[in-house]
Amino acid sequence: MSAESNLPLRTCVGCRKRSAKKGLVRLVLIGSQLKVDKEAKQDGRGAYVHQTQECFEAAMNYSAFDRSFRKKVDVSDVQSFFRP
């Protein structure tokens, strides 16, 4: 069994592709504000997205964050994180 097969996988809410957890950014909801969880250790539900502007915009266009957190989410705090 290879070491790669033991890596935890997560699905990007933007492009819907499964990737290794370490290759994705975890976003958490604090109140109604979305925050980047750089260490991926904050409590609560998280949504994973590739660290690309395309995946982030796709997630916003499809209301993926609203569905993931089951409520209306303000993404303004994290938009600058995904801009080049």
N, C-alpha and C. Protein backbone atom coordinates (compact mmCIF):
# COMPACT_ATOMS: atom_id res chain seq x y z
N MET A 1 0.85 -1.18 0.00
CA MET A 1 0.00 0.00 0.00
C MET A 1 0.90 1.24 0.00
N SER A 2 0.65 2.16 -0.89
CA SER A 2 1.49 3.35 -0.99
C SER A 2 1.09 4.39 0.05
N ALA A 3 2.01 5.30 0.32
CA ALA A 3 1.75 6.36 1.31
C ALA A 3 0.65 7.31 0.84
N GLU A 4 0.53 7.48 -0.48
CA GLU A 4 -0.49 8.39 -1.01
C GLU A 4 -1.90 7.89 -0.74
N SER A 5 -2.09 6.60 -0.68
CA SER A 5 -3.43 6.07 -0.47
C SER A 5 -3.92 6.29 0.97
N ASN A 6 -3.00 6.64 1.88
CA ASN A 6 -3.38 6.88 3.27
C ASN A 6 -3.70 8.34 3.55
N LEU A 7 -3.52 9.22 2.58
CA LEU A 7 -3.80 10.63 2.79
C LEU A 7 -5.30 10.86 2.88
N PRO A 8 -5.75 11.71 3.82
CA PRO A 8 -7.17 12.03 3.87
C PRO A 8 -7.58 12.85 2.66
N LEU A 9 -8.72 12.53 2.08
CA LEU A 9 -9.23 13.24 0.91
C LEU A 9 -10.40 14.13 1.30
N ARG A 10 -10.52 15.26 0.63
CA ARG A 10 -11.65 16.17 0.81
C ARG A 10 -12.10 16.61 -0.58
N THR A 11 -13.33 17.07 -0.67
CA THR A 11 -13.88 17.54 -1.94
C THR A 11 -13.91 19.06 -1.96
N CYS A 12 -13.38 19.64 -3.01
CA CYS A 12 -13.42 21.10 -3.19
C CYS A 12 -14.86 21.50 -3.50
N VAL A 13 -15.39 22.49 -2.76
CA VAL A 13 -16.77 22.92 -2.99
C VAL A 13 -16.90 23.74 -4.26
N GLY A 14 -15.78 24.15 -4.84
CA GLY A 14 -15.82 24.93 -6.09
C GLY A 14 -15.87 24.05 -7.32
N CYS A 15 -14.86 23.20 -7.49
CA CYS A 15 -14.77 22.37 -8.70
C CYS A 15 -15.31 20.95 -8.49
N ARG A 16 -15.59 20.58 -7.22
CA ARG A 16 -16.13 19.28 -6.85
C ARG A 16 -15.16 18.13 -7.09
N LYS A 17 -13.86 18.41 -7.22
CA LYS A 17 -12.86 17.36 -7.38
C LYS A 17 -12.30 16.98 -6.01
N ARG A 18 -12.04 15.68 -5.85
CA ARG A 18 -11.45 15.21 -4.59
C ARG A 18 -9.94 15.38 -4.66
N SER A 19 -9.38 15.90 -3.58
CA SER A 19 -7.94 16.13 -3.50
C SER A 19 -7.47 15.81 -2.09
N ALA A 20 -6.16 15.70 -1.95
CA ALA A 20 -5.59 15.49 -0.63
C ALA A 20 -5.92 16.70 0.23
N LYS A 21 -6.23 16.45 1.49
CA LYS A 21 -6.62 17.51 2.42
C LYS A 21 -5.56 18.60 2.49
N LYS A 22 -4.28 18.23 2.43
CA LYS A 22 -3.21 19.22 2.55
C LYS A 22 -3.12 20.15 1.34
N GLY A 23 -3.77 19.82 0.23
CA GLY A 23 -3.76 20.65 -0.96
C GLY A 23 -4.94 21.60 -1.04
N LEU A 24 -5.78 21.61 0.00
CA LEU A 24 -6.97 22.45 0.01
C LEU A 24 -6.93 23.42 1.18
N VAL A 25 -7.70 24.48 1.08
CA VAL A 25 -7.82 25.47 2.15
C VAL A 25 -9.14 25.19 2.87
N ARG A 26 -9.10 25.14 4.19
CA ARG A 26 -10.32 24.92 4.98
C ARG A 26 -10.89 26.27 5.39
N LEU A 27 -12.17 26.45 5.16
CA LEU A 27 -12.88 27.66 5.55
C LEU A 27 -13.90 27.28 6.62
N VAL A 28 -13.98 28.11 7.65
CA VAL A 28 -14.93 27.86 8.74
C VAL A 28 -15.83 29.07 8.90
N LEU A 29 -16.97 28.84 9.48
CA LEU A 29 -17.95 29.89 9.71
C LEU A 29 -17.89 30.31 11.17
N ILE A 30 -17.63 31.59 11.40
CA ILE A 30 -17.61 32.16 12.74
C ILE A 30 -18.67 33.26 12.74
N GLY A 31 -19.78 33.00 13.41
CA GLY A 31 -20.94 33.89 13.31
C GLY A 31 -21.53 33.73 11.93
N SER A 32 -21.53 34.81 11.16
CA SER A 32 -21.96 34.72 9.76
C SER A 32 -20.80 35.04 8.81
N GLN A 33 -19.59 35.18 9.37
CA GLN A 33 -18.41 35.50 8.58
C GLN A 33 -17.60 34.24 8.28
N LEU A 34 -17.18 34.11 7.03
CA LEU A 34 -16.33 33.01 6.62
C LEU A 34 -14.88 33.39 6.91
N LYS A 35 -14.12 32.49 7.50
CA LYS A 35 -12.72 32.73 7.85
C LYS A 35 -11.86 31.59 7.33
N VAL A 36 -10.60 31.90 6.99
CA VAL A 36 -9.65 30.89 6.57
C VAL A 36 -9.08 30.22 7.82
N ASP A 37 -9.14 28.91 7.85
CA ASP A 37 -8.59 28.13 8.95
C ASP A 37 -7.24 27.57 8.48
N LYS A 38 -6.19 28.37 8.62
CA LYS A 38 -4.89 28.02 8.07
C LYS A 38 -4.33 26.72 8.65
N GLU A 39 -4.61 26.44 9.89
CA GLU A 39 -4.08 25.24 10.53
C GLU A 39 -5.06 24.07 10.47
N ALA A 40 -6.26 24.33 9.96
CA ALA A 40 -7.32 23.31 9.83
C ALA A 40 -7.62 22.63 11.15
N LYS A 41 -7.69 23.42 12.23
CA LYS A 41 -7.93 22.86 13.55
C LYS A 41 -9.05 23.55 14.31
N GLN A 42 -9.70 24.55 13.72
CA GLN A 42 -10.77 25.23 14.44
C GLN A 42 -11.98 24.31 14.54
N ASP A 43 -12.74 24.52 15.59
CA ASP A 43 -13.94 23.72 15.81
C ASP A 43 -15.00 24.04 14.76
N GLY A 44 -15.88 23.10 14.57
CA GLY A 44 -17.05 23.33 13.73
C GLY A 44 -16.91 22.81 12.33
N ARG A 45 -17.97 23.00 11.60
CA ARG A 45 -18.06 22.55 10.22
C ARG A 45 -17.10 23.35 9.35
N GLY A 46 -16.47 22.68 8.42
CA GLY A 46 -15.56 23.33 7.50
C GLY A 46 -15.92 23.03 6.06
N ALA A 47 -15.52 23.92 5.17
CA ALA A 47 -15.68 23.70 3.74
C ALA A 47 -14.29 23.83 3.13
N TYR A 48 -13.97 22.95 2.21
CA TYR A 48 -12.65 22.93 1.60
C TYR A 48 -12.72 23.44 0.17
N VAL A 49 -11.70 24.19 -0.22
CA VAL A 49 -11.64 24.73 -1.57
C VAL A 49 -10.16 24.82 -1.98
N HIS A 50 -9.90 24.58 -3.28
CA HIS A 50 -8.54 24.78 -3.77
C HIS A 50 -8.16 26.25 -3.63
N GLN A 51 -6.90 26.52 -3.46
CA GLN A 51 -6.45 27.90 -3.27
C GLN A 51 -6.26 28.59 -4.62
N THR A 52 -7.32 28.56 -5.43
CA THR A 52 -7.31 29.25 -6.71
C THR A 52 -8.52 30.16 -6.80
N GLN A 53 -8.37 31.22 -7.54
CA GLN A 53 -9.47 32.15 -7.70
C GLN A 53 -10.63 31.49 -8.45
N GLU A 54 -10.31 30.59 -9.38
CA GLU A 54 -11.35 29.93 -10.17
C GLU A 54 -12.26 29.06 -9.28
N CYS A 55 -11.66 28.28 -8.41
CA CYS A 55 -12.47 27.42 -7.53
C CYS A 55 -13.28 28.26 -6.54
N PHE A 56 -12.69 29.30 -6.02
CA PHE A 56 -13.41 30.16 -5.08
C PHE A 56 -14.60 30.84 -5.76
N GLU A 57 -14.39 31.36 -6.97
CA GLU A 57 -15.48 32.01 -7.70
C GLU A 57 -16.56 31.01 -8.08
N ALA A 58 -16.16 29.80 -8.45
CA ALA A 58 -17.15 28.77 -8.78
C ALA A 58 -18.00 28.45 -7.54
N ALA A 59 -17.36 28.36 -6.39
CA ALA A 59 -18.10 28.10 -5.16
C ALA A 59 -19.07 29.23 -4.86
N MET A 60 -18.66 30.47 -5.09
CA MET A 60 -19.56 31.61 -4.86
C MET A 60 -20.70 31.60 -5.86
N ASN A 61 -20.42 31.32 -7.12
CA ASN A 61 -21.46 31.32 -8.16
C ASN A 61 -22.53 30.26 -7.92
N TYR A 62 -22.13 29.12 -7.37
CA TYR A 62 -23.07 28.03 -7.13
C TYR A 62 -23.61 28.02 -5.70
N SER A 63 -23.35 29.09 -4.95
CA SER A 63 -23.80 29.19 -3.55
C SER A 63 -23.34 27.98 -2.73
N ALA A 64 -22.16 27.48 -3.04
CA ALA A 64 -21.65 26.28 -2.36
C ALA A 64 -21.40 26.52 -0.89
N PHE A 65 -20.97 27.71 -0.52
CA PHE A 65 -20.72 27.99 0.90
C PHE A 65 -22.03 28.04 1.67
N ASP A 66 -23.05 28.63 1.07
CA ASP A 66 -24.37 28.67 1.72
C ASP A 66 -24.89 27.25 1.95
N ARG A 67 -24.72 26.37 0.97
CA ARG A 67 -25.18 24.99 1.11
C ARG A 67 -24.33 24.22 2.12
N SER A 68 -23.03 24.43 2.09
CA SER A 68 -22.15 23.71 3.01
C SER A 68 -22.46 24.03 4.46
N PHE A 69 -22.73 25.31 4.73
CA PHE A 69 -22.97 25.74 6.10
C PHE A 69 -24.45 25.84 6.45
N ARG A 70 -25.31 25.55 5.46
CA ARG A 70 -26.76 25.53 5.64
C ARG A 70 -27.33 26.86 6.11
N LYS A 71 -26.70 27.96 5.68
CA LYS A 71 -27.20 29.30 5.98
C LYS A 71 -26.49 30.30 5.08
N LYS A 72 -26.98 31.52 5.04
CA LYS A 72 -26.37 32.57 4.24
C LYS A 72 -25.01 32.93 4.82
N VAL A 73 -23.99 32.97 3.97
CA VAL A 73 -22.62 33.19 4.40
C VAL A 73 -22.06 34.45 3.75
N ASP A 74 -21.38 35.27 4.54
CA ASP A 74 -20.70 36.47 4.04
C ASP A 74 -19.26 36.09 3.72
N VAL A 75 -18.88 36.17 2.44
CA VAL A 75 -17.54 35.75 2.01
C VAL A 75 -16.57 36.91 1.87
N SER A 76 -16.97 38.11 2.24
CA SER A 76 -16.14 39.29 2.00
C SER A 76 -14.79 39.23 2.71
N ASP A 77 -14.71 38.59 3.87
CA ASP A 77 -13.45 38.52 4.62
C ASP A 77 -12.41 37.64 3.95
N VAL A 78 -12.81 36.66 3.17
CA VAL A 78 -11.85 35.73 2.59
C VAL A 78 -11.57 35.98 1.11
N GLN A 79 -12.29 36.89 0.48
CA GLN A 79 -12.09 37.12 -0.95
C GLN A 79 -10.65 37.53 -1.27
N SER A 80 -10.05 38.35 -0.44
CA SER A 80 -8.69 38.81 -0.70
C SER A 80 -7.68 37.66 -0.62
N PHE A 81 -7.97 36.62 0.13
CA PHE A 81 -7.09 35.47 0.26
C PHE A 81 -6.95 34.74 -1.08
N PHE A 82 -7.98 34.75 -1.90
CA PHE A 82 -7.99 34.01 -3.15
C PHE A 82 -7.66 34.87 -4.37
N ARG A 83 -7.42 36.14 -4.17
CA ARG A 83 -7.04 37.02 -5.28
C ARG A 83 -5.54 36.93 -5.51
N PRO A 84 -5.11 36.96 -6.78
CA PRO A 84 -3.66 36.88 -7.07
C PRO A 84 -2.91 38.13 -6.65
